[in-house]
Structures are given as structure tokens and as C-alpha cells.
Amino acid sequence: MTDQINRVVLAYSGGLDTSVILKWLQQTYNCEVVTFTADLGQGEELEPARAKAEMMGVKPEHIFVDDLREEFVRDYVFPMMRSNALYEGLYLLGTSIARPLIAKRQIEIAKMVGADAVSHGATGKGNDQVRFELGYYALSPDIKVIAPWREWDLTSRTRLIEFAEQHQIPVGKDKRGQAPFSTDANMLHTSSEGLVLENPWDEVPDYVYSRTVNPEDAPDLPEYITIDFERGDGVAINGEGMSPATLLSTLNEYGRRHGIGRLDLVENRFVGMKSRGMYETPGGTIYHLAHRGIEQLTLDRGAAHLKDELAPRYAELIYNGFWFSPEREMLQAAIDHSQEKVSGTVRLKLYKGGVYVVGRKSPNSLYSEKVVTFEDDQGAYDQRDAAGFIKLNALRLRLLGRRDQ
């Protein structure tokens, strides 16, 4: 016996899985379904999702297709990028960082339409179920959550297609055979996993890549660009001021052209298993390296090294779905404080899959050419001071050495 659900807000893409879920919710819970489709810059036409939802009996006023691109980059991607977060040292968290925004908007819509439940299309094997649901419960502690993949008996793509055909749900022709891999996309990245990617020994087939040209086919001449930062956030490319989403979109085009941002990763999912995924993060890879470049000039050593200690913890929190946790907010406050003087310009060289910082300047620079020069420093640094510095640091090592000889 299922709980009594009157109205549920479904995170809806218009694809096979969520279209089957829409019909399954209507049948299983005998409830009204409200659909929410987020435009996070995934590059797909989203109006067909509206038409499909309406065809399946969703009231027009209960179909939400929201453009969240600016909010996504401004309030989620940029704060994360200030931390230099990389999950397991490599992954720029493109899927992970999108989930809290989707969850937040879903809960807002649930409150707006008086829904008593929310639903998503994440499977019981992956990370996204955790990310969505931790977000739901943080923002609406008593909300009911329906996760069909943990309830139904549609355990294969073949069963999904049979269910769709039984209920006159349109199935894209590419889904009628076995799809070669599964993808998720937003403005920050595209991820691909499953099937042809499941053997970690096999090289990723070239047709899997969708956001970047093969680095071997990229232009034979390097391209130089500059990124301006203010308080840790990118504000301009080549001197032209841009909004957060426009800036990331522009960097994506540079990255696409030069084959930048491909990552083949075997990662540890939060639920415990290892999975192999292929990620393309063209603009994010350029931005990440540029941000580190401007921090090299403007961050004090102590602050910079502490940030590097905090970044893996911060990355793990986002990967595991704890965006709305107090510990993530505490870390964010410290990170944002560190960025107050992180302003200036970074010059980058883009060439055949590589991003190279080749210049940086800042009005807040801590770099002193007068102090560091190999030429006569005019007394700016007294080299004799180093003798006492070394002796004091060596004291315990000498005591240990004498004892152990």
C-alpha cells in the first residue's frame, strides 16, 4: 500500500526514463504530476519536454521549464571554483554541483503548487539519488520523496521501452536499441558512463566525446586569451566584461576548439562502488587553471596552503551531496574571505588539449621583484638573516642526530 500522494513535482527531462516515471507516478500513486525541467545550459532544446508533458496529461500551468543558467554559474559554479575543488584530485564536479540547484528549485515549486512530494529519475546505484534527496530534506525536512528506481520492477532499458510502448509514450529511435553510453550535461560539463565505458582497460571511443574536438585535430597554432578576476570570480575575457554564464559559455567555445578538458576517471562513488566515467569540462578546465594563476600572485602562503588542505574536504562534500550542510557553508565562508584580494588578469596559452598560464598581473600582487631579484637588491633582503633562520629550524634535527648517533 503506497502513501497517499496528491501532487508530486518531478524533475523531468522529457527523455525515456523520466517520461516513463511520469506515467508510472500517475498510475501507481493516482496523483497529479507537476513537471520541472531545468535549463542549465545542457545545449538541448527544452520546449519538446513541455509539449511531451502536456501530451501526457500534465496541466499547462503545472509545467515548469526554467532558465537557471546565470544562477547556476553565479551561485554554484563560481563559489565552487573559488575553492579550487577537485574530487579525488582530478574531477571538477560538473554533475555534482548542478544537483543542489535542481533540488532547491524543485522544492520551491513544490511549495508554490502545494505538492506533498517530489520525485527524481536517479537510480539506486548512483550518487545523484543522494545529492537530490539530501537537498530536498535540507530545504523541506518533511517532504515525501519518491525514487521510482528503488520501487518499481522496470529493471532494464528493454522493460522501460515496453512500458513506454504499452502507454503510447514516444520513444526516440536512438533508444530503441541499446544506447552505447549514458550522458548528463550542463554548462560546466558533459559526463558519459556505462556500457561501452564499463571496462576501464578499454580506451574511450572517439564518438563518446561531444564537447571537444580531438586534441590531435585541434589548431596547429596556439591561441592566447586573458581572463580578468575580481574578488576570486571571472568578470572579463580579453578585456570584455561578461556575466558569469556568458563567460563560462565563451570559455567552453575556446576549450571545444582546442580539445581542452577531457578526463577519463575511475572514481569512488559515495554509495561504495567504483565507476568509470568520461568527463568533458572545456571552459571549467581553463577557468580552474586561470584562477590558480591569479591566486599565485595575490594569496599569502599561509592562506594558499590552508586552502589547498581544505579543498579536498570541500570537494568531497559537494560530490557526496552536502551542499546545504553547515560544514560546507563554514568552509565557503573561509574560502570567500580568502578571495577578497584575488583580483587581476591572467594570460593563458591554449594548444592541443593543454592550458598554460603564461602571464599574470594584479594590483594586489604580493610578488616583489625587488626582493626576489638575482641582481643587486639594494638591501631589500639581507641574506645574512637566513643563517639564524636555518639554525633555529635545524635545532631539533641536530638534537635528534646527536642522540641517535
Protein backbone atom coordinates (compact mmCIF):
# COMPACT_ATOMS: atom_id res chain seq x y z
CA MET A 1 0.00 0.00 0.00
CA THR A 2 1.53 3.30 -1.10
CA ASP A 3 1.35 6.50 0.91
CA GLN A 4 -1.40 8.88 -0.14
CA ILE A 5 0.18 11.39 -2.52
CA ASN A 6 -1.97 14.09 -4.08
CA ARG A 7 0.55 16.10 -6.06
CA VAL A 8 4.22 15.43 -6.87
CA VAL A 9 6.88 17.60 -8.52
CA LEU A 10 9.02 15.52 -10.89
CA ALA A 11 12.48 16.55 -12.12
CA TYR A 12 11.66 15.95 -15.79
CA SER A 13 13.96 15.91 -18.81
CA GLY A 14 11.48 14.68 -21.40
CA GLY A 15 13.64 11.64 -22.10
CA LEU A 16 12.65 7.99 -21.88
CA ASP A 17 13.32 7.43 -18.17
CA THR A 18 11.51 10.48 -16.78
CA SER A 19 8.63 10.11 -19.26
CA VAL A 20 8.07 6.56 -18.02
CA ILE A 21 8.35 7.84 -14.44
CA LEU A 22 5.68 10.48 -15.15
CA LYS A 23 3.19 7.83 -16.32
CA TRP A 24 4.23 5.43 -13.54
CA LEU A 25 3.60 8.09 -10.87
CA GLN A 26 0.16 8.83 -12.32
CA GLN A 27 -0.71 5.14 -12.26
CA THR A 28 0.98 3.97 -9.05
CA TYR A 29 0.11 6.91 -6.82
CA ASN A 30 -3.02 8.09 -8.65
CA CYS A 31 -1.68 11.61 -8.21
CA GLU A 32 -1.28 14.82 -10.15
CA VAL A 33 2.22 15.30 -11.55
CA VAL A 34 3.91 18.69 -11.89
CA THR A 35 6.99 18.66 -14.15
CA PHE A 36 10.11 20.76 -13.68
CA THR A 37 12.76 20.99 -16.40
CA ALA A 38 15.90 22.99 -15.63
CA ASP A 39 17.85 24.78 -18.34
CA LEU A 40 21.42 24.56 -17.04
CA GLY A 41 22.98 25.13 -20.44
CA GLN A 42 22.93 21.47 -21.46
CA GLY A 43 22.57 22.54 -25.09
CA GLU A 44 19.31 20.70 -25.76
CA GLU A 45 16.02 22.15 -26.94
CA LEU A 46 13.78 22.06 -23.87
CA GLU A 47 10.41 23.05 -25.33
CA PRO A 48 9.76 19.46 -26.53
CA ALA A 49 9.75 18.46 -22.86
CA ARG A 50 6.89 20.91 -22.29
CA ALA A 51 4.91 19.52 -25.23
CA LYS A 52 5.53 15.93 -24.14
CA ALA A 53 4.42 16.62 -20.57
CA GLU A 54 1.23 18.28 -21.81
CA MET A 55 0.55 15.33 -24.13
CA MET A 56 0.85 13.04 -21.09
CA GLY A 57 -1.84 14.91 -19.20
CA VAL A 58 0.10 17.48 -17.18
CA LYS A 59 -1.76 20.79 -16.91
CA PRO A 60 0.00 23.64 -18.77
CA GLU A 61 0.20 25.69 -15.57
CA HIS A 62 1.96 22.74 -13.91
CA ILE A 63 4.76 22.52 -16.49
CA PHE A 64 7.85 24.47 -15.42
CA VAL A 65 10.76 25.00 -17.83
CA ASP A 66 13.14 27.36 -16.03
CA ASP A 67 16.26 29.08 -17.35
CA LEU A 68 18.71 28.72 -14.45
CA ARG A 69 21.95 29.28 -16.35
CA GLU A 70 23.03 32.53 -14.71
CA GLU A 71 22.05 31.36 -11.24
CA PHE A 72 23.87 28.08 -11.82
CA VAL A 73 27.19 29.70 -12.71
CA ARG A 74 26.94 32.69 -10.34
CA ASP A 75 25.74 30.92 -7.18
CA TYR A 76 27.08 27.39 -7.59
CA VAL A 77 29.91 27.03 -10.14
CA PHE A 78 31.80 30.22 -9.23
CA PRO A 79 31.69 29.68 -5.44
CA MET A 80 32.96 26.13 -6.00
CA MET A 81 35.69 27.35 -8.34
CA ARG A 82 36.92 29.82 -5.69
CA SER A 83 37.90 26.77 -3.63
CA ASN A 84 39.87 25.06 -6.47
CA ALA A 85 37.92 21.91 -5.56
CA LEU A 86 38.83 18.70 -7.38
CA TYR A 87 37.28 15.39 -6.32
CA GLU A 88 40.00 12.73 -5.97
CA GLY A 89 42.49 15.22 -7.35
CA LEU A 90 41.05 15.40 -10.88
CA TYR A 91 37.28 15.80 -11.23
CA LEU A 92 35.81 19.32 -11.50
CA LEU A 93 32.43 18.15 -10.10
CA GLY A 94 30.29 19.12 -13.08
CA THR A 95 27.34 16.82 -12.30
CA SER A 96 27.62 17.17 -8.53
CA ILE A 97 27.35 20.96 -8.47
CA ALA A 98 24.16 21.03 -10.58
CA ARG A 99 22.12 18.85 -8.23
CA PRO A 100 21.64 21.27 -5.30
CA LEU A 101 20.21 23.94 -7.61
CA ILE A 102 17.78 21.48 -9.19
CA ALA A 103 16.73 20.29 -5.73
CA LYS A 104 16.28 23.88 -4.49
CA ARG A 105 14.09 24.88 -7.41
CA GLN A 106 12.08 21.65 -7.14
CA ILE A 107 11.28 22.39 -3.50
CA GLU A 108 10.36 26.00 -4.38
CA ILE A 109 7.91 24.72 -7.00
CA ALA A 110 6.52 22.12 -4.57
CA LYS A 111 5.72 24.89 -2.10
CA MET A 112 4.29 27.09 -4.86
CA VAL A 113 1.86 24.45 -6.16
CA GLY A 114 1.08 22.81 -2.82
CA ALA A 115 2.72 19.48 -3.65
CA ASP A 116 3.28 16.92 -0.90
CA ALA A 117 6.06 15.00 -2.68
CA VAL A 118 8.98 15.31 -5.09
CA SER A 119 10.46 12.70 -7.43
CA HIS A 120 13.62 12.17 -9.47
CA GLY A 121 14.95 9.74 -12.07
CA ALA A 122 18.23 8.80 -10.39
CA THR A 123 18.96 5.11 -9.99
CA GLY A 124 19.66 3.29 -6.75
CA LYS A 125 23.28 2.67 -7.72
CA GLY A 126 24.47 6.21 -8.24
CA ASN A 127 25.38 9.40 -6.41
CA ASP A 128 22.56 11.57 -7.74
CA GLN A 129 19.86 9.95 -5.59
CA VAL A 130 21.85 11.04 -2.53
CA ARG A 131 22.52 14.54 -3.84
CA PHE A 132 18.90 15.22 -4.77
CA GLU A 133 17.44 13.82 -1.58
CA LEU A 134 19.89 15.44 0.84
CA GLY A 135 18.97 18.72 -0.87
CA TYR A 136 15.24 18.05 -0.58
CA TYR A 137 15.41 17.16 3.10
CA ALA A 138 17.69 20.09 3.97
CA LEU A 139 15.24 22.56 2.41
CA SER A 140 11.96 20.82 3.30
CA PRO A 141 12.53 18.36 6.17
CA ASP A 142 9.10 16.73 5.96
CA ILE A 143 8.78 16.40 2.19
CA LYS A 144 7.96 12.95 0.80
CA VAL A 145 10.45 11.65 -1.75
CA ILE A 146 9.56 9.13 -4.46
CA ALA A 147 12.52 7.37 -6.11
CA PRO A 148 10.95 5.06 -8.73
CA TRP A 149 14.18 3.18 -9.50
CA ARG A 150 14.14 1.95 -5.90
CA GLU A 151 10.47 0.89 -6.07
CA TRP A 152 9.42 -0.40 -9.47
CA ASP A 153 10.14 -3.63 -11.35
CA LEU A 154 11.26 -1.92 -14.59
CA THR A 155 14.82 -3.10 -14.13
CA SER A 156 16.17 -2.77 -17.68
CA ARG A 157 16.02 -0.45 -20.67
CA THR A 158 14.08 -3.14 -22.53
CA ARG A 159 11.39 -3.10 -19.82
CA LEU A 160 11.27 0.70 -19.92
CA ILE A 161 10.71 0.69 -23.67
CA GLU A 162 8.00 -1.99 -23.35
CA PHE A 163 6.24 0.11 -20.69
CA ALA A 164 6.52 3.21 -22.89
CA GLU A 165 5.05 1.44 -25.91
CA GLN A 166 2.19 -0.02 -23.84
CA HIS A 167 1.25 3.51 -22.74
CA GLN A 168 1.84 5.33 -26.06
CA ILE A 169 4.84 7.24 -24.71
CA PRO A 170 7.01 8.36 -27.65
CA VAL A 171 10.41 6.68 -27.65
CA GLY A 172 13.30 8.29 -29.53
CA LYS A 173 14.68 5.94 -32.19
CA ASP A 174 18.16 6.11 -30.65
CA LYS A 175 16.73 4.49 -27.51
CA ARG A 176 15.21 1.50 -29.29
CA GLY A 177 18.48 -0.36 -29.43
CA GLN A 178 20.89 -0.47 -26.55
CA ALA A 179 22.33 3.01 -26.12
CA PRO A 180 26.13 2.86 -26.24
CA PHE A 181 26.51 5.00 -23.09
CA SER A 182 24.63 7.30 -20.72
CA THR A 183 25.22 11.06 -20.63
CA ASP A 184 24.49 14.02 -18.39
CA ALA A 185 25.20 17.58 -19.46
CA ASN A 186 25.09 21.15 -18.23
CA MET A 187 27.01 24.35 -18.93
CA LEU A 188 30.00 23.18 -16.89
CA HIS A 189 30.48 19.71 -18.32
CA THR A 190 29.24 16.58 -20.04
CA SER A 191 29.66 13.20 -18.36
CA SER A 192 29.38 9.82 -20.05
CA GLU A 193 29.32 6.42 -18.39
CA GLY A 194 28.09 2.85 -18.75
CA LEU A 195 28.14 0.10 -21.36
CA VAL A 196 30.99 0.85 -23.82
CA LEU A 197 32.83 2.66 -21.00
CA GLU A 198 32.46 0.00 -18.31
CA ASN A 199 35.77 -1.81 -18.95
CA PRO A 200 38.42 0.56 -17.54
CA TRP A 201 41.11 -1.01 -19.74
CA ASP A 202 39.36 -0.01 -23.00
CA GLU A 203 40.11 3.44 -24.40
CA VAL A 204 37.12 5.75 -24.65
CA PRO A 205 35.79 5.61 -28.24
CA ASP A 206 36.10 8.94 -30.04
CA TYR A 207 32.35 9.14 -30.72
CA VAL A 208 31.69 9.44 -26.98
CA TYR A 209 33.18 12.95 -26.93
CA SER A 210 30.66 15.67 -27.71
CA ARG A 211 32.05 18.91 -26.25
CA THR A 212 35.64 18.95 -27.51
CA VAL A 213 37.49 18.26 -30.74
CA ASN A 214 40.17 15.58 -30.61
CA PRO A 215 43.32 17.39 -29.39
CA GLU A 216 45.22 15.86 -32.33
CA ASP A 217 42.82 17.66 -34.70
CA ALA A 218 42.91 20.98 -32.83
CA PRO A 219 44.54 24.03 -34.48
CA ASP A 220 48.28 23.79 -35.09
CA LEU A 221 48.81 27.32 -33.76
CA PRO A 222 48.28 28.23 -30.09
CA GLU A 223 45.72 30.84 -29.08
CA TYR A 224 46.26 33.37 -26.30
CA ILE A 225 43.47 34.77 -24.13
CA THR A 226 43.22 36.80 -20.93
CA ILE A 227 40.75 36.39 -18.05
CA ASP A 228 40.12 39.22 -15.58
CA PHE A 229 39.20 38.33 -11.98
CA GLU A 230 37.58 40.40 -9.26
CA ARG A 231 37.44 39.01 -5.72
CA GLY A 232 38.02 35.49 -6.98
CA ASP A 233 35.42 35.49 -9.77
CA GLY A 234 35.98 35.83 -13.52
CA VAL A 235 34.49 39.03 -14.91
CA ALA A 236 36.00 39.51 -18.39
CA ILE A 237 37.69 37.70 -21.29
CA ASN A 238 40.15 39.64 -23.42
CA GLY A 239 39.04 42.80 -21.62
CA GLU A 240 35.35 42.35 -22.47
CA GLY A 241 33.09 42.27 -19.39
CA MET A 242 30.72 39.30 -19.25
CA SER A 243 28.08 37.81 -16.97
CA PRO A 244 29.05 34.54 -15.23
CA ALA A 245 27.13 32.30 -17.64
CA THR A 246 28.34 34.20 -20.72
CA LEU A 247 31.93 33.98 -19.50
CA LEU A 248 31.75 30.21 -18.94
CA SER A 249 29.98 29.71 -22.27
CA THR A 250 32.72 31.69 -24.05
CA LEU A 251 35.45 29.65 -22.36
CA ASN A 252 33.60 26.48 -23.40
CA GLU A 253 33.97 27.52 -27.03
CA TYR A 254 37.72 28.13 -26.61
CA GLY A 255 38.04 24.76 -24.87
CA ARG A 256 36.00 22.96 -27.53
CA ARG A 257 38.15 24.35 -30.34
CA HIS A 258 41.42 23.35 -28.69
CA GLY A 259 40.37 19.94 -27.33
CA ILE A 260 40.71 21.01 -23.69
CA GLY A 261 39.18 19.38 -20.62
CA ARG A 262 38.89 15.64 -21.32
CA LEU A 263 39.14 13.34 -18.30
CA ASP A 264 38.93 9.53 -18.13
CA LEU A 265 38.38 8.72 -14.46
CA VAL A 266 37.74 5.70 -12.25
CA GLU A 267 36.17 7.27 -9.17
CA ASN A 268 34.79 6.16 -5.83
CA ARG A 269 31.04 6.72 -5.65
CA PHE A 270 29.51 7.72 -2.32
CA VAL A 271 27.46 4.51 -2.24
CA GLY A 272 30.68 2.49 -2.20
CA MET A 273 31.38 1.13 -5.68
CA LYS A 274 33.97 2.31 -8.17
CA SER A 275 32.73 3.61 -11.52
CA ARG A 276 34.46 4.67 -14.72
CA GLY A 277 33.33 7.89 -16.35
CA MET A 278 34.46 10.22 -19.10
CA TYR A 279 34.13 13.93 -18.39
CA GLU A 280 34.47 16.91 -20.69
CA THR A 281 34.87 20.23 -18.89
CA PRO A 282 36.34 22.57 -21.53
CA GLY A 283 35.66 26.04 -20.10
CA GLY A 284 35.89 24.89 -16.49
CA THR A 285 39.38 23.47 -17.02
CA ILE A 286 40.61 26.78 -18.45
CA TYR A 287 38.91 28.74 -15.66
CA HIS A 288 40.28 26.50 -12.89
CA LEU A 289 43.88 26.93 -14.03
CA ALA A 290 43.42 30.68 -14.55
CA HIS A 291 42.03 31.07 -11.04
CA ARG A 292 45.02 29.28 -9.57
CA GLY A 293 47.21 31.55 -11.67
CA ILE A 294 45.83 34.75 -10.15
CA GLU A 295 45.95 33.25 -6.65
CA GLN A 296 49.69 32.65 -7.12
CA LEU A 297 50.21 36.42 -7.05
CA THR A 298 47.59 37.52 -4.55
CA LEU A 299 47.26 34.86 -1.82
CA ASP A 300 49.59 34.76 1.14
CA ARG A 301 51.43 31.44 1.55
CA GLY A 302 49.60 30.51 4.75
CA ALA A 303 46.17 31.21 3.27
CA ALA A 304 47.04 29.46 0.00
CA HIS A 305 48.33 26.31 1.71
CA LEU A 306 45.38 26.16 4.09
CA LYS A 307 43.02 26.48 1.11
CA ASP A 308 44.79 23.55 -0.53
CA GLU A 309 44.22 21.49 2.62
CA LEU A 310 40.53 22.41 2.74
CA ALA A 311 39.82 21.89 -0.96
CA PRO A 312 39.66 18.04 -0.93
CA ARG A 313 37.22 18.14 2.01
CA TYR A 314 35.12 20.76 0.25
CA ALA A 315 35.14 18.72 -2.98
CA GLU A 316 34.04 15.59 -1.13
CA LEU A 317 31.14 17.44 0.49
CA ILE A 318 29.88 18.58 -2.90
CA TYR A 319 30.41 15.17 -4.50
CA ASN A 320 28.51 13.47 -1.68
CA GLY A 321 25.58 15.89 -1.80
CA PHE A 322 26.19 18.07 1.26
CA TRP A 323 25.96 21.48 -0.44
CA PHE A 324 23.35 22.66 2.09
CA SER A 325 25.26 21.39 5.13
CA PRO A 326 26.65 23.73 7.79
CA GLU A 327 30.18 22.43 7.26
CA ARG A 328 30.10 23.33 3.54
CA GLU A 329 28.81 26.80 4.43
CA MET A 330 31.58 27.20 7.05
CA LEU A 331 34.21 26.24 4.50
CA GLN A 332 32.63 28.56 1.93
CA ALA A 333 32.86 31.49 4.35
CA ALA A 334 36.57 30.85 4.86
CA ILE A 335 37.18 30.41 1.13
CA ASP A 336 35.26 33.58 0.23
CA HIS A 337 37.22 35.55 2.84
CA SER A 338 40.45 34.40 1.19
CA GLN A 339 39.29 35.81 -2.15
CA GLU A 340 38.93 39.47 -1.12
CA LYS A 341 42.21 40.46 -2.81
CA VAL A 342 42.14 37.88 -5.62
CA SER A 343 41.79 40.36 -8.46
CA GLY A 344 43.84 40.85 -11.60
CA THR A 345 44.48 39.42 -15.06
CA VAL A 346 45.79 36.04 -16.20
CA ARG A 347 47.13 35.36 -19.70
CA LEU A 348 46.73 31.80 -20.99
CA LYS A 349 48.03 29.81 -23.93
CA LEU A 350 45.64 27.20 -25.37
CA TYR A 351 47.15 24.49 -27.53
CA LYS A 352 46.12 20.94 -28.49
CA GLY A 353 44.40 19.91 -25.26
CA GLY A 354 46.68 21.96 -23.00
CA VAL A 355 46.11 25.13 -20.97
CA TYR A 356 49.19 27.04 -19.85
CA VAL A 357 49.36 30.11 -17.61
CA VAL A 358 51.94 32.34 -19.30
CA GLY A 359 51.37 35.65 -17.51
CA ARG A 360 49.62 37.20 -14.56
CA LYS A 361 49.34 40.69 -13.05
CA SER A 362 47.41 42.19 -10.15
CA PRO A 363 47.09 45.49 -8.29
CA ASN A 364 47.10 43.33 -5.14
CA SER A 365 50.23 41.35 -6.02
CA LEU A 366 52.44 40.07 -3.18
CA TYR A 367 55.22 39.36 -5.65
CA SER A 368 58.17 41.73 -5.18
CA GLU A 369 60.67 41.72 -8.00
CA LYS A 370 62.91 43.97 -5.87
CA VAL A 371 63.10 41.35 -3.10
CA VAL A 372 63.36 38.22 -5.27
CA THR A 373 65.79 39.52 -7.92
CA PHE A 374 69.09 37.74 -8.66
CA GLU A 375 70.61 41.17 -9.30
CA ASP A 376 71.62 43.70 -6.61
CA ASP A 377 68.53 44.14 -4.43
CA GLN A 378 69.80 47.40 -2.87
CA GLY A 379 69.47 45.93 0.62
CA ALA A 380 65.80 44.89 0.30
CA TYR A 381 66.73 41.46 1.65
CA ASP A 382 69.68 40.74 3.98
CA GLN A 383 70.96 37.27 3.10
CA ARG A 384 72.78 37.02 6.46
CA ASP A 385 69.35 36.75 8.17
CA ALA A 386 68.98 33.27 6.70
CA ALA A 387 71.74 31.83 8.91
CA GLY A 388 69.80 32.25 12.16
CA PHE A 389 66.58 31.13 10.45
CA ILE A 390 68.24 27.90 9.33
CA LYS A 391 69.95 27.27 12.70
CA LEU A 392 66.71 27.60 14.64
CA ASN A 393 64.88 25.28 12.23
CA ALA A 394 67.78 22.82 12.40
CA LEU A 395 67.96 22.80 16.20
CA ARG A 396 65.63 19.84 16.82
CA LEU A 397 67.14 17.90 13.91
CA ARG A 398 70.65 18.36 15.38
CA LEU A 399 69.47 17.29 18.82
CA LEU A 400 67.87 14.18 17.32
CA GLY A 401 71.03 13.46 15.34
CA ARG A 402 73.29 13.72 18.39
CA ARG A 403 71.04 11.47 20.43
CA ASP A 404 70.84 8.77 17.77
CA GLN A 405 74.50 8.68 16.76
